Protein backbone atom coordinates (compact mmCIF):
# COMPACT_ATOMS: atom_id res chain seq x y z
CA MET A 1 5.46 -92.88 27.70
CA GLN A 2 8.72 -91.31 26.58
CA LYS A 3 8.86 -87.55 26.16
CA SER A 4 9.37 -86.35 22.60
CA ILE A 5 12.30 -84.28 21.38
CA SER A 6 12.27 -81.70 18.59
CA VAL A 7 15.49 -80.94 16.71
CA ILE A 8 16.08 -77.48 15.19
CA THR A 9 19.05 -76.78 12.98
CA PRO A 10 19.28 -73.53 11.04
CA THR A 11 21.79 -73.47 8.20
CA TYR A 12 23.02 -70.99 5.64
CA ASN A 13 25.03 -72.13 2.61
CA TYR A 14 25.58 -75.58 4.13
CA GLY A 15 22.54 -77.39 2.79
CA HIS A 16 24.87 -79.76 0.96
CA LEU A 17 26.06 -81.05 4.36
CA ILE A 18 22.71 -81.29 6.16
CA HIS A 19 22.47 -84.99 5.25
CA ARG A 20 25.23 -85.68 7.78
CA LEU A 21 23.15 -84.24 10.61
CA LEU A 22 19.99 -86.01 9.44
CA ASP A 23 21.83 -89.34 9.17
CA SER A 24 23.13 -88.96 12.72
CA ILE A 25 19.60 -88.33 13.97
CA LEU A 26 18.31 -91.44 12.20
CA ILE A 27 20.76 -93.74 13.98
CA GLN A 28 19.74 -92.58 17.45
CA THR A 29 18.12 -95.20 19.67
CA TYR A 30 15.76 -92.75 21.39
CA LYS A 31 12.59 -93.12 19.34
CA ASN A 32 10.58 -90.02 20.27
CA ILE A 33 12.55 -87.50 18.23
CA GLU A 34 10.53 -85.54 15.67
CA LYS A 35 12.14 -86.77 12.50
CA PHE A 36 11.52 -88.74 9.33
CA ARG A 37 8.26 -90.40 8.32
CA LYS A 38 10.13 -93.45 7.02
CA LYS A 39 10.80 -94.36 10.63
CA GLY A 40 7.48 -92.99 11.83
CA PHE A 41 9.01 -89.57 12.44
CA LYS A 42 8.27 -86.14 11.03
CA LEU A 43 10.61 -83.77 9.20
CA ILE A 44 9.65 -80.13 8.69
CA TYR A 45 11.70 -78.07 6.26
CA GLN A 46 11.13 -74.33 6.26
CA TYR A 47 12.88 -72.04 3.81
CA GLN A 48 13.33 -68.35 4.49
CA GLU A 49 15.60 -65.63 3.14
CA ASN A 50 18.75 -65.15 5.20
CA GLN A 51 17.94 -62.96 8.20
CA GLY A 52 20.46 -64.38 10.61
CA GLN A 53 20.57 -67.32 12.97
CA ALA A 54 18.41 -65.74 15.68
CA VAL A 55 15.52 -65.16 13.26
CA ALA A 56 15.89 -68.71 11.92
CA MET A 57 15.81 -70.17 15.44
CA ASP A 58 12.76 -68.08 16.32
CA ALA A 59 10.95 -69.41 13.24
CA GLY A 60 11.94 -72.97 14.18
CA LEU A 61 10.79 -72.60 17.78
CA LYS A 62 7.32 -71.70 16.52
CA LEU A 63 7.11 -75.07 14.74
CA ILE A 64 8.19 -77.53 17.42
CA THR A 65 5.74 -79.76 19.22
CA GLY A 66 8.13 -81.88 21.31
CA ASP A 67 8.37 -81.82 25.08
CA TYR A 68 12.04 -80.84 24.73
CA PHE A 69 14.17 -79.51 21.93
CA ILE A 70 17.78 -79.80 20.96
CA TRP A 71 19.88 -77.48 18.86
CA PRO A 72 22.93 -79.38 17.62
C-alpha cells in the first residue's frame, strides 16, 4: 500500500490563483495525495482571519491525516 501525502498551502490575498496549485495537484500520478473527491480525494478548506503564515500552517497541521505532508 502506498503511503498517503497531505498538502498544506496557506494563502493570503491570493485565493484567485489557488486554482493553479490545485490543478497541478490533480495532474500528479501519485494517487495517495489527500485531494479532491472527484478523483476519490479529499479537499479541506479552512478559513481564518489573517494571523500570519505560521499560525495558518499550525492550523493546517492539525488537520492532516497523511503519512507525509508537503508544503509547496
